Amino acid sequence: MSKVLAIGASRNIGYYSSLRLLELGYTVTFLLRKPECFDQDEAVTRFVKDGKARLIKGDALVKADVQRAWAEAAKGGDDKTVDFMLFTVGGTPSFKLTKGFVIEPPNLVTQSLLNVLETLPADSPDVKLLTISSTGLTRESHDALPCALKPLYGYALAAPHKDKCGAEEILAHAAGWKWDVQDSAGEEILGAGWTRRVPEPAALKRLVVIRPALLTDGECVADKPQKQPGKEAYRVKQGDIDSSWTISRKDVAHFMVEKVIKNWDEWEGKRVSIAY
């Protein structure tokens, strides 16, 4: 029985990915601030009834809650380990004229990820971690954006992207990846002494970081027959993708499950961008 812990999966990419995994027979444990969010969701509740979906009340910003979620996710079957962690945390932004879109707290993603890494269970040493980031976070990635998107990323999305940049810096440190100090999110996002809360440099190996283009609520193109046989529904590449405009949340979820999880060895240790 493959077991998944999903944090940030009450909606959007995490939600769509979790549904796919449940349909495939995985057991998914959701850490939710409001478990009642699924009360009227028949797609999820049918799996809750048969024990495949587990709803745990808690907050990713609370270390003890994350630790408890790991323990709950490991239950069941002969093997008391967690196979996959889906980290798709993202706040609900509000718009401020002088700051663009902001989230509260401003380091929600970064601090939640620190709690996840700080509580990695010793009895699940092979847990595979998938995280959602974004294109355009670093200076190099921002330079690669289409010109029409640069003002949006540089102003309207600056605050939430700084948070995601902090999360990527943490992962780069733990995975031993190159990280330009000029791209650092700073102590106000990362917190003082953050390196003491994560695995030693290069110790985190079973990791994939997915950087979607500008997200939309469109349909899953990959689930439909392609007009041109042999052509993929979306483009995926290590590093940045030229003319990276948009991608639907449902197609990102398709990539996470149908490509990455099903073919883990092909993607492990990579930071990949995805766009149409």
C-alpha atoms as a PDB file:
ATOM      1  CA  MET A   1       0.000   0.000   0.000  1.00  0.00           C
ATOM      2  CA  SER A   2       1.622   3.254  -1.143  1.00  0.00           C
ATOM      3  CA  LYS A   3       1.093   6.104   1.317  1.00  0.00           C
ATOM      4  CA  VAL A   4       1.141   9.831   0.630  1.00  0.00           C
ATOM      5  CA  LEU A   5       1.163  12.849   2.917  1.00  0.00           C
ATOM      6  CA  ALA A   6      -0.336  15.899   1.200  1.00  0.00           C
ATOM      7  CA  ILE A   7       0.147  19.363   2.678  1.00  0.00           C
ATOM      8  CA  GLY A   8      -1.569  22.249   0.932  1.00  0.00           C
ATOM      9  CA  ALA A   9      -3.990  19.944  -0.887  1.00  0.00           C
ATOM     10  CA  SER A  10      -7.363  21.370   0.040  1.00  0.00           C
ATOM     11  CA  ARG A  11      -7.558  22.871  -3.454  1.00  0.00           C
ATOM     12  CA  ASN A  12      -5.720  23.494  -6.714  1.00  0.00           C
ATOM     13  CA  ILE A  13      -2.672  21.415  -7.716  1.00  0.00           C
ATOM     14  CA  GLY A  14      -2.430  19.459  -4.476  1.00  0.00           C
ATOM     15  CA  TYR A  15      -6.120  18.621  -4.587  1.00  0.00           C
ATOM     16  CA  TYR A  16      -6.102  17.475  -8.218  1.00  0.00           C
ATOM     17  CA  SER A  17      -2.926  15.433  -7.660  1.00  0.00           C
ATOM     18  CA  SER A  18      -4.370  13.767  -4.569  1.00  0.00           C
ATOM     19  CA  LEU A  19      -7.551  12.800  -6.404  1.00  0.00           C
ATOM     20  CA  ARG A  20      -5.487  11.144  -9.123  1.00  0.00           C
ATOM     21  CA  LEU A  21      -3.510   9.216  -6.528  1.00  0.00           C
ATOM     22  CA  LEU A  22      -6.650   8.097  -4.710  1.00  0.00           C
ATOM     23  CA  GLU A  23      -8.092   6.841  -7.980  1.00  0.00           C
ATOM     24  CA  LEU A  24      -4.885   4.843  -8.490  1.00  0.00           C
ATOM     25  CA  GLY A  25      -5.262   3.170  -5.096  1.00  0.00           C
ATOM     26  CA  TYR A  26      -2.873   5.243  -3.014  1.00  0.00           C
ATOM     27  CA  THR A  27      -3.714   6.162   0.561  1.00  0.00           C
ATOM     28  CA  VAL A  28      -3.550   9.943   0.972  1.00  0.00           C
ATOM     29  CA  THR A  29      -3.370  11.737   4.310  1.00  0.00           C
ATOM     30  CA  PHE A  30      -4.381  15.394   4.107  1.00  0.00           C
ATOM     31  CA  LEU A  31      -3.180  17.930   6.688  1.00  0.00           C
ATOM     32  CA  LEU A  32      -5.963  20.534   6.719  1.00  0.00           C
ATOM     33  CA  ARG A  33      -6.695  23.583   8.794  1.00  0.00           C
ATOM     34  CA  LYS A  34     -10.373  22.996   8.049  1.00  0.00           C
ATOM     35  CA  PRO A  35     -11.144  19.314   7.365  1.00  0.00           C
ATOM     36  CA  GLU A  36     -14.782  20.294   6.845  1.00  0.00           C
ATOM     37  CA  CYS A  37     -13.748  21.782   3.498  1.00  0.00           C
ATOM     38  CA  PHE A  38     -14.422  18.322   2.019  1.00  0.00           C
ATOM     39  CA  ASP A  39     -17.802  17.751   3.695  1.00  0.00           C
ATOM     40  CA  GLN A  40     -19.712  18.341   0.459  1.00  0.00           C
ATOM     41  CA  ASP A  41     -17.016  17.012  -1.851  1.00  0.00           C
ATOM     42  CA  GLU A  42     -18.194  13.618  -3.049  1.00  0.00           C
ATOM     43  CA  ALA A  43     -14.976  13.032  -4.978  1.00  0.00           C
ATOM     44  CA  VAL A  44     -13.065  12.973  -1.689  1.00  0.00           C
ATOM     45  CA  THR A  45     -15.661  11.741   0.802  1.00  0.00           C
ATOM     46  CA  ARG A  46     -16.106   8.413  -0.979  1.00  0.00           C
ATOM     47  CA  PHE A  47     -12.421   7.728  -0.304  1.00  0.00           C
ATOM     48  CA  VAL A  48     -12.757   8.920   3.286  1.00  0.00           C
ATOM     49  CA  LYS A  49     -15.476   6.319   3.818  1.00  0.00           C
ATOM     50  CA  ASP A  50     -13.261   3.462   2.661  1.00  0.00           C
ATOM     51  CA  GLY A  51     -10.251   4.717   4.634  1.00  0.00           C
ATOM     52  CA  LYS A  52      -8.101   5.644   1.642  1.00  0.00           C
ATOM     53  CA  ALA A  53      -8.329   9.380   2.334  1.00  0.00           C
ATOM     54  CA  ARG A  54      -7.438  10.501   5.851  1.00  0.00           C
ATOM     55  CA  LEU A  55      -8.240  14.025   7.010  1.00  0.00           C
ATOM     56  CA  ILE A  56      -6.021  15.392   9.793  1.00  0.00           C
ATOM     57  CA  LYS A  57      -6.821  18.741  11.373  1.00  0.00           C
ATOM     58  CA  GLY A  58      -3.718  20.888  11.729  1.00  0.00           C
ATOM     59  CA  ASP A  59      -1.643  23.773  10.437  1.00  0.00           C
ATOM     60  CA  ALA A  60       1.591  23.411   8.473  1.00  0.00           C
ATOM     61  CA  LEU A  61       2.922  26.437  10.372  1.00  0.00           C
ATOM     62  CA  VAL A  62       2.745  24.406  13.589  1.00  0.00           C
ATOM     63  CA  LYS A  63       5.649  21.968  13.807  1.00  0.00           C
ATOM     64  CA  ALA A  64       3.817  19.587  16.135  1.00  0.00           C
ATOM     65  CA  ASP A  65       0.909  19.350  13.679  1.00  0.00           C
ATOM     66  CA  VAL A  66       3.242  18.440  10.827  1.00  0.00           C
ATOM     67  CA  GLN A  67       4.962  15.833  12.972  1.00  0.00           C
ATOM     68  CA  ARG A  68       1.592  14.321  13.864  1.00  0.00           C
ATOM     69  CA  ALA A  69       0.603  14.277  10.180  1.00  0.00           C
ATOM     70  CA  TRP A  70       3.731  12.276   9.314  1.00  0.00           C
ATOM     71  CA  ALA A  71       2.835   9.731  11.978  1.00  0.00           C
ATOM     72  CA  GLU A  72      -0.765   9.403  10.807  1.00  0.00           C
ATOM     73  CA  ALA A  73       0.290   9.061   7.174  1.00  0.00           C
ATOM     74  CA  ALA A  74       2.602   6.151   8.041  1.00  0.00           C
ATOM     75  CA  LYS A  75      -0.167   4.063   9.596  1.00  0.00           C
ATOM     76  CA  GLY A  76      -1.635   1.048   7.860  1.00  0.00           C
ATOM     77  CA  GLY A  77      -0.129  -1.953   6.146  1.00  0.00           C
ATOM     78  CA  ASP A  78       2.982  -3.855   7.128  1.00  0.00           C
ATOM     79  CA  ASP A  79       5.364  -1.068   6.160  1.00  0.00           C
ATOM     80  CA  LYS A  80       5.066   1.873   8.576  1.00  0.00           C
ATOM     81  CA  THR A  81       6.601   4.393   6.206  1.00  0.00           C
ATOM     82  CA  VAL A  82       5.452   7.262   3.999  1.00  0.00           C
ATOM     83  CA  ASP A  83       6.232   6.892   0.303  1.00  0.00           C
ATOM     84  CA  PHE A  84       5.523  10.396  -1.035  1.00  0.00           C
ATOM     85  CA  MET A  85       5.141  13.893   0.347  1.00  0.00           C
ATOM     86  CA  LEU A  86       3.221  16.386  -1.811  1.00  0.00           C
ATOM     87  CA  PHE A  87       4.056  19.916  -0.686  1.00  0.00           C
ATOM     88  CA  THR A  88       1.799  22.356  -2.530  1.00  0.00           C
ATOM     89  CA  VAL A  89       1.270  25.014   0.140  1.00  0.00           C
ATOM     90  CA  GLY A  90       0.119  28.408  -1.090  1.00  0.00           C
ATOM     91  CA  GLY A  91      -1.824  31.141   0.620  1.00  0.00           C
ATOM     92  CA  THR A  92      -4.930  32.979  -0.566  1.00  0.00           C
ATOM     93  CA  PRO A  93      -3.540  36.339  -1.702  1.00  0.00           C
ATOM     94  CA  SER A  94      -5.127  39.715  -1.255  1.00  0.00           C
ATOM     95  CA  PHE A  95      -4.292  42.687  -3.462  1.00  0.00           C
ATOM     96  CA  LYS A  96      -2.772  45.890  -2.120  1.00  0.00           C
ATOM     97  CA  LEU A  97      -2.211  48.771  -4.523  1.00  0.00           C
ATOM     98  CA  THR A  98       1.269  49.548  -3.239  1.00  0.00           C
ATOM     99  CA  LYS A  99       2.448  45.960  -2.841  1.00  0.00           C
ATOM    100  CA  GLY A 100       0.555  43.849  -5.373  1.00  0.00           C
ATOM    101  CA  PHE A 101      -0.671  40.451  -4.196  1.00  0.00           C
ATOM    102  CA  VAL A 102       0.316  39.606  -0.618  1.00  0.00           C
ATOM    103  CA  ILE A 103      -0.204  36.615   1.637  1.00  0.00           C
ATOM    104  CA  GLU A 104      -0.312  36.386   5.415  1.00  0.00           C
ATOM    105  CA  PRO A 105       2.053  35.501   6.854  1.00  0.00           C
ATOM    106  CA  PRO A 106       4.469  36.593   4.093  1.00  0.00           C
ATOM    107  CA  ASN A 107       6.655  33.510   4.652  1.00  0.00           C
ATOM    108  CA  LEU A 108       3.853  30.926   4.765  1.00  0.00           C
ATOM    109  CA  VAL A 109       5.389  28.566   2.200  1.00  0.00           C
ATOM    110  CA  THR A 110       8.944  28.891   3.478  1.00  0.00           C
ATOM    111  CA  GLN A 111       8.135  28.308   7.145  1.00  0.00           C
ATOM    112  CA  SER A 112       5.748  25.445   6.363  1.00  0.00           C
ATOM    113  CA  LEU A 113       8.464  23.752   4.326  1.00  0.00           C
ATOM    114  CA  LEU A 114      10.966  24.205   7.151  1.00  0.00           C
ATOM    115  CA  ASN A 115       8.552  22.375   9.443  1.00  0.00           C
ATOM    116  CA  VAL A 116       8.231  19.559   6.914  1.00  0.00           C
ATOM    117  CA  LEU A 117      11.991  19.123   6.578  1.00  0.00           C
ATOM    118  CA  GLU A 118      12.624  19.491  10.291  1.00  0.00           C
ATOM    119  CA  THR A 119      10.182  16.666  11.037  1.00  0.00           C
ATOM    120  CA  LEU A 120      11.220  14.223   8.315  1.00  0.00           C
ATOM    121  CA  PRO A 121      10.620  10.859   9.979  1.00  0.00           C
ATOM    122  CA  ALA A 122      13.675   8.700  10.568  1.00  0.00           C
ATOM    123  CA  ASP A 123      11.585   5.598   9.852  1.00  0.00           C
ATOM    124  CA  SER A 124      10.688   6.894   6.363  1.00  0.00           C
ATOM    125  CA  PRO A 125      14.218   7.486   4.997  1.00  0.00           C
ATOM    126  CA  ASP A 126      13.162   6.933   1.402  1.00  0.00           C
ATOM    127  CA  VAL A 127      10.197   9.317   1.333  1.00  0.00           C
ATOM    128  CA  LYS A 128      10.021  11.120  -1.995  1.00  0.00           C
ATOM    129  CA  LEU A 129       9.315  14.854  -1.832  1.00  0.00           C
ATOM    130  CA  LEU A 130       7.506  16.762  -4.592  1.00  0.00           C
ATOM    131  CA  THR A 131       7.175  20.511  -4.243  1.00  0.00           C
ATOM    132  CA  ILE A 132       5.524  23.203  -6.327  1.00  0.00           C
ATOM    133  CA  SER A 133       7.443  26.407  -6.963  1.00  0.00           C
ATOM    134  CA  SER A 134       7.147  28.819  -9.904  1.00  0.00           C
ATOM    135  CA  THR A 135       8.961  30.132 -12.942  1.00  0.00           C
ATOM    136  CA  GLY A 136      10.429  33.631 -12.747  1.00  0.00           C
ATOM    137  CA  LEU A 137      11.645  33.469  -9.132  1.00  0.00           C
ATOM    138  CA  THR A 138      15.386  33.939  -9.575  1.00  0.00           C
ATOM    139  CA  ARG A 139      17.070  36.689 -11.557  1.00  0.00           C
ATOM    140  CA  GLU A 140      18.015  34.228 -14.283  1.00  0.00           C
ATOM    141  CA  SER A 141      14.524  32.756 -14.444  1.00  0.00           C
ATOM    142  CA  HIS A 142      12.909  36.208 -14.442  1.00  0.00           C
ATOM    143  CA  ASP A 143      15.096  37.222 -17.386  1.00  0.00           C
ATOM    144  CA  ALA A 144      13.772  34.216 -19.318  1.00  0.00           C
ATOM    145  CA  LEU A 145      10.114  35.230 -18.901  1.00  0.00           C
ATOM    146  CA  PRO A 146       8.181  36.606 -21.872  1.00  0.00           C
ATOM    147  CA  CYS A 147       8.465  40.414 -21.783  1.00  0.00           C
ATOM    148  CA  ALA A 148       4.720  40.841 -21.303  1.00  0.00           C
ATOM    149  CA  LEU A 149       4.810  38.804 -18.084  1.00  0.00           C
ATOM    150  CA  LYS A 150       7.784  40.522 -16.436  1.00  0.00           C
ATOM    151  CA  PRO A 151       5.773  43.420 -14.912  1.00  0.00           C
ATOM    152  CA  LEU A 152       3.252  40.962 -13.466  1.00  0.00           C
ATOM    153  CA  TYR A 153       5.962  38.846 -11.875  1.00  0.00           C
ATOM    154  CA  GLY A 154       8.077  41.829 -10.826  1.00  0.00           C
ATOM    155  CA  TYR A 155       5.252  43.757  -9.153  1.00  0.00           C
ATOM    156  CA  ALA A 156       1.921  41.978  -8.677  1.00  0.00           C
ATOM    157  CA  LEU A 157       3.403  38.600  -7.717  1.00  0.00           C
ATOM    158  CA  ALA A 158       6.584  39.852  -6.058  1.00  0.00           C
ATOM    159  CA  ALA A 159       5.548  39.081  -2.465  1.00  0.00           C
ATOM    160  CA  PRO A 160       4.266  35.486  -2.897  1.00  0.00           C
ATOM    161  CA  HIS A 161       7.180  34.741  -5.211  1.00  0.00           C
ATOM    162  CA  LYS A 162       9.683  35.937  -2.614  1.00  0.00           C
ATOM    163  CA  ASP A 163       8.167  33.371  -0.273  1.00  0.00           C
ATOM    164  CA  LYS A 164       8.502  30.630  -2.883  1.00  0.00           C
ATOM    165  CA  CYS A 165      12.057  31.784  -3.527  1.00  0.00           C
ATOM    166  CA  GLY A 166      12.793  31.213   0.158  1.00  0.00           C
ATOM    167  CA  ALA A 167      11.440  27.689  -0.137  1.00  0.00           C
ATOM    168  CA  GLU A 168      13.636  27.010  -3.162  1.00  0.00           C
ATOM    169  CA  GLU A 169      16.688  28.330  -1.337  1.00  0.00           C
ATOM    170  CA  ILE A 170      16.027  25.872   1.481  1.00  0.00           C
ATOM    171  CA  LEU A 171      15.679  22.983  -0.954  1.00  0.00           C
ATOM    172  CA  ALA A 172      18.813  23.995  -2.856  1.00  0.00           C
ATOM    173  CA  HIS A 173      20.756  23.992   0.421  1.00  0.00           C
ATOM    174  CA  ALA A 174      19.433  20.601   1.521  1.00  0.00           C
ATOM    175  CA  ALA A 175      19.873  19.024  -1.917  1.00  0.00           C
ATOM    176  CA  GLY A 176      23.333  20.496  -2.555  1.00  0.00           C
ATOM    177  CA  TRP A 177      22.206  22.479  -5.609  1.00  0.00           C
ATOM    178  CA  LYS A 178      23.830  25.691  -6.781  1.00  0.00           C
ATOM    179  CA  TRP A 179      22.102  28.821  -5.450  1.00  0.00           C
ATOM    180  CA  ASP A 180      23.050  32.436  -6.218  1.00  0.00           C
ATOM    181  CA  VAL A 181      23.247  34.468  -3.013  1.00  0.00           C
ATOM    182  CA  GLN A 182      21.738  37.412  -4.916  1.00  0.00           C
ATOM    183  CA  ASP A 183      18.488  35.412  -5.142  1.00  0.00           C
ATOM    184  CA  SER A 184      18.239  34.898  -1.381  1.00  0.00           C
ATOM    185  CA  ALA A 185      14.841  35.690   0.118  1.00  0.00           C
ATOM    186  CA  GLY A 186      16.552  37.071   3.200  1.00  0.00           C
ATOM    187  CA  GLU A 187      16.219  36.451   6.906  1.00  0.00           C
ATOM    188  CA  GLU A 188      12.775  38.085   7.072  1.00  0.00           C
ATOM    189  CA  ILE A 189      11.450  35.157   5.023  1.00  0.00           C
ATOM    190  CA  LEU A 190      13.832  32.369   6.007  1.00  0.00           C
ATOM    191  CA  GLY A 191      14.195  33.240   9.669  1.00  0.00           C
ATOM    192  CA  ALA A 192      17.365  33.322  11.741  1.00  0.00           C
ATOM    193  CA  GLY A 193      19.366  30.116  11.876  1.00  0.00           C
ATOM    194  CA  TRP A 194      17.205  28.338   9.313  1.00  0.00           C
ATOM    195  CA  THR A 195      20.045  26.085   8.126  1.00  0.00           C
ATOM    196  CA  ARG A 196      19.962  24.325  11.492  1.00  0.00           C
ATOM    197  CA  ARG A 197      16.390  23.206  10.820  1.00  0.00           C
ATOM    198  CA  VAL A 198      16.994  21.321   7.571  1.00  0.00           C
ATOM    199  CA  PRO A 199      19.042  18.311   6.412  1.00  0.00           C
ATOM    200  CA  GLU A 200      22.776  18.799   5.952  1.00  0.00           C
ATOM    201  CA  PRO A 201      23.859  20.161   2.539  1.00  0.00           C
ATOM    202  CA  ALA A 202      23.381  17.572  -0.213  1.00  0.00           C
ATOM    203  CA  ALA A 203      21.676  15.156   2.198  1.00  0.00           C
ATOM    204  CA  LEU A 204      18.244  15.463   0.581  1.00  0.00           C
ATOM    205  CA  LYS A 205      18.299  13.350  -2.566  1.00  0.00           C
ATOM    206  CA  ARG A 206      14.738  12.112  -3.165  1.00  0.00           C
ATOM    207  CA  LEU A 207      13.359  15.424  -4.336  1.00  0.00           C
ATOM    208  CA  VAL A 208      11.683  16.986  -7.380  1.00  0.00           C
ATOM    209  CA  VAL A 209      10.902  20.703  -7.658  1.00  0.00           C
ATOM    210  CA  ILE A 210       8.275  21.674 -10.235  1.00  0.00           C
ATOM    211  CA  ARG A 211       8.193  25.246 -11.546  1.00  0.00           C
ATOM    212  CA  PRO A 212       4.924  25.928 -13.370  1.00  0.00           C
ATOM    213  CA  ALA A 213       4.364  28.852 -15.695  1.00  0.00           C
ATOM    214  CA  LEU A 214       1.529  31.276 -14.883  1.00  0.00           C
ATOM    215  CA  LEU A 215      -1.210  29.057 -13.479  1.00  0.00           C
ATOM    216  CA  THR A 216      -4.722  28.919 -14.893  1.00  0.00           C
ATOM    217  CA  ASP A 217      -7.929  27.112 -13.939  1.00  0.00           C
ATOM    218  CA  GLY A 218      -8.202  25.517 -17.372  1.00  0.00           C
ATOM    219  CA  GLU A 219      -8.982  21.902 -18.172  1.00  0.00           C
ATOM    220  CA  CYS A 220      -6.463  19.078 -18.214  1.00  0.00           C
ATOM    221  CA  VAL A 221      -5.290  19.050 -21.816  1.00  0.00           C
ATOM    222  CA  ALA A 222      -3.188  15.942 -21.210  1.00  0.00           C
ATOM    223  CA  ASP A 223      -6.292  13.862 -20.479  1.00  0.00           C
ATOM    224  CA  LYS A 224      -7.668  14.551 -23.951  1.00  0.00           C
ATOM    225  CA  PRO A 225      -6.592  12.953 -27.245  1.00  0.00           C
ATOM    226  CA  GLN A 226      -3.838  15.038 -28.778  1.00  0.00           C
ATOM    227  CA  LYS A 227      -4.475  16.610 -32.171  1.00  0.00           C
ATOM    228  CA  GLN A 228      -0.944  15.755 -33.251  1.00  0.00           C
ATOM    229  CA  PRO A 229      -0.022  12.150 -32.401  1.00  0.00           C
ATOM    230  CA  GLY A 230       3.231  11.934 -30.488  1.00  0.00           C
ATOM    231  CA  LYS A 231       3.123  15.549 -29.355  1.00  0.00           C
ATOM    232  CA  GLU A 232       2.989  16.126 -25.597  1.00  0.00           C
ATOM    233  CA  ALA A 233       0.202  18.234 -24.115  1.00  0.00           C
ATOM    234  CA  TYR A 234       2.744  20.405 -22.296  1.00  0.00           C
ATOM    235  CA  ARG A 235       6.473  21.099 -22.309  1.00  0.00           C
ATOM    236  CA  VAL A 236       8.793  20.111 -19.460  1.00  0.00           C
ATOM    237  CA  LYS A 237      12.451  21.030 -19.165  1.00  0.00           C
ATOM    238  CA  GLN A 238      15.203  21.316 -16.607  1.00  0.00           C
ATOM    239  CA  GLY A 239      15.873  25.000 -16.163  1.00  0.00           C
ATOM    240  CA  ASP A 240      13.733  27.570 -17.956  1.00  0.00           C
ATOM    241  CA  ILE A 241      11.439  27.074 -20.945  1.00  0.00           C
ATOM    242  CA  ASP A 242      11.418  29.606 -23.780  1.00  0.00           C
ATOM    243  CA  SER A 243       8.063  31.382 -24.288  1.00  0.00           C
ATOM    244  CA  SER A 244       6.796  30.065 -20.969  1.00  0.00           C
ATOM    245  CA  TRP A 245       3.341  31.626 -20.688  1.00  0.00           C
ATOM    246  CA  THR A 246       0.739  29.513 -18.914  1.00  0.00           C
ATOM    247  CA  ILE A 247      -0.145  26.048 -17.672  1.00  0.00           C
ATOM    248  CA  SER A 248      -3.335  24.789 -16.027  1.00  0.00           C
ATOM    249  CA  ARG A 249      -3.256  23.523 -12.468  1.00  0.00           C
ATOM    250  CA  LYS A 250      -4.864  20.283 -13.655  1.00  0.00           C
ATOM    251  CA  ASP A 251      -2.073  19.684 -16.156  1.00  0.00           C
ATOM    252  CA  VAL A 252       0.555  20.287 -13.469  1.00  0.00           C
ATOM    253  CA  ALA A 253      -1.228  17.666 -11.354  1.00  0.00           C
ATOM    254  CA  HIS A 254      -1.211  15.317 -14.351  1.00  0.00           C
ATOM    255  CA  PHE A 255       2.554  15.770 -14.683  1.00  0.00           C
ATOM    256  CA  MET A 256       3.141  15.195 -10.971  1.00  0.00           C
ATOM    257  CA  VAL A 257       1.269  11.908 -10.897  1.00  0.00           C
ATOM    258  CA  GLU A 258       1.402  10.445 -14.398  1.00  0.00           C
ATOM    259  CA  LYS A 259       4.993  11.432 -15.134  1.00  0.00           C
ATOM    260  CA  VAL A 260       6.963  12.070 -11.951  1.00  0.00           C
ATOM    261  CA  ILE A 261       5.454   9.642  -9.449  1.00  0.00           C
ATOM    262  CA  LYS A 262       5.047   6.852 -11.986  1.00  0.00           C
ATOM    263  CA  ASN A 263       8.588   7.358 -13.342  1.00  0.00           C
ATOM    264  CA  TRP A 264      10.407   8.627 -10.277  1.00  0.00           C
ATOM    265  CA  ASP A 265      13.933   7.601 -11.269  1.00  0.00           C
ATOM    266  CA  GLU A 266      13.700   9.745 -14.401  1.00  0.00           C
ATOM    267  CA  TRP A 267      12.959  12.916 -12.427  1.00  0.00           C
ATOM    268  CA  GLU A 268      14.641  12.514  -9.038  1.00  0.00           C
ATOM    269  CA  GLY A 269      16.967  15.346  -8.098  1.00  0.00           C
ATOM    270  CA  LYS A 270      15.678  17.721 -10.767  1.00  0.00           C
ATOM    271  CA  ARG A 271      14.190  21.204 -10.870  1.00  0.00           C
ATOM    272  CA  VAL A 272      11.904  21.311 -13.887  1.00  0.00           C
ATOM    273  CA  SER A 273       9.739  23.951 -15.527  1.00  0.00           C
ATOM    274  CA  ILE A 274       6.380  23.144 -17.112  1.00  0.00           C
ATOM    275  CA  ALA A 275       4.369  25.205 -19.595  1.00  0.00           C
ATOM    276  CA  TYR A 276       2.263  24.864 -22.727  1.00  0.00           C
END
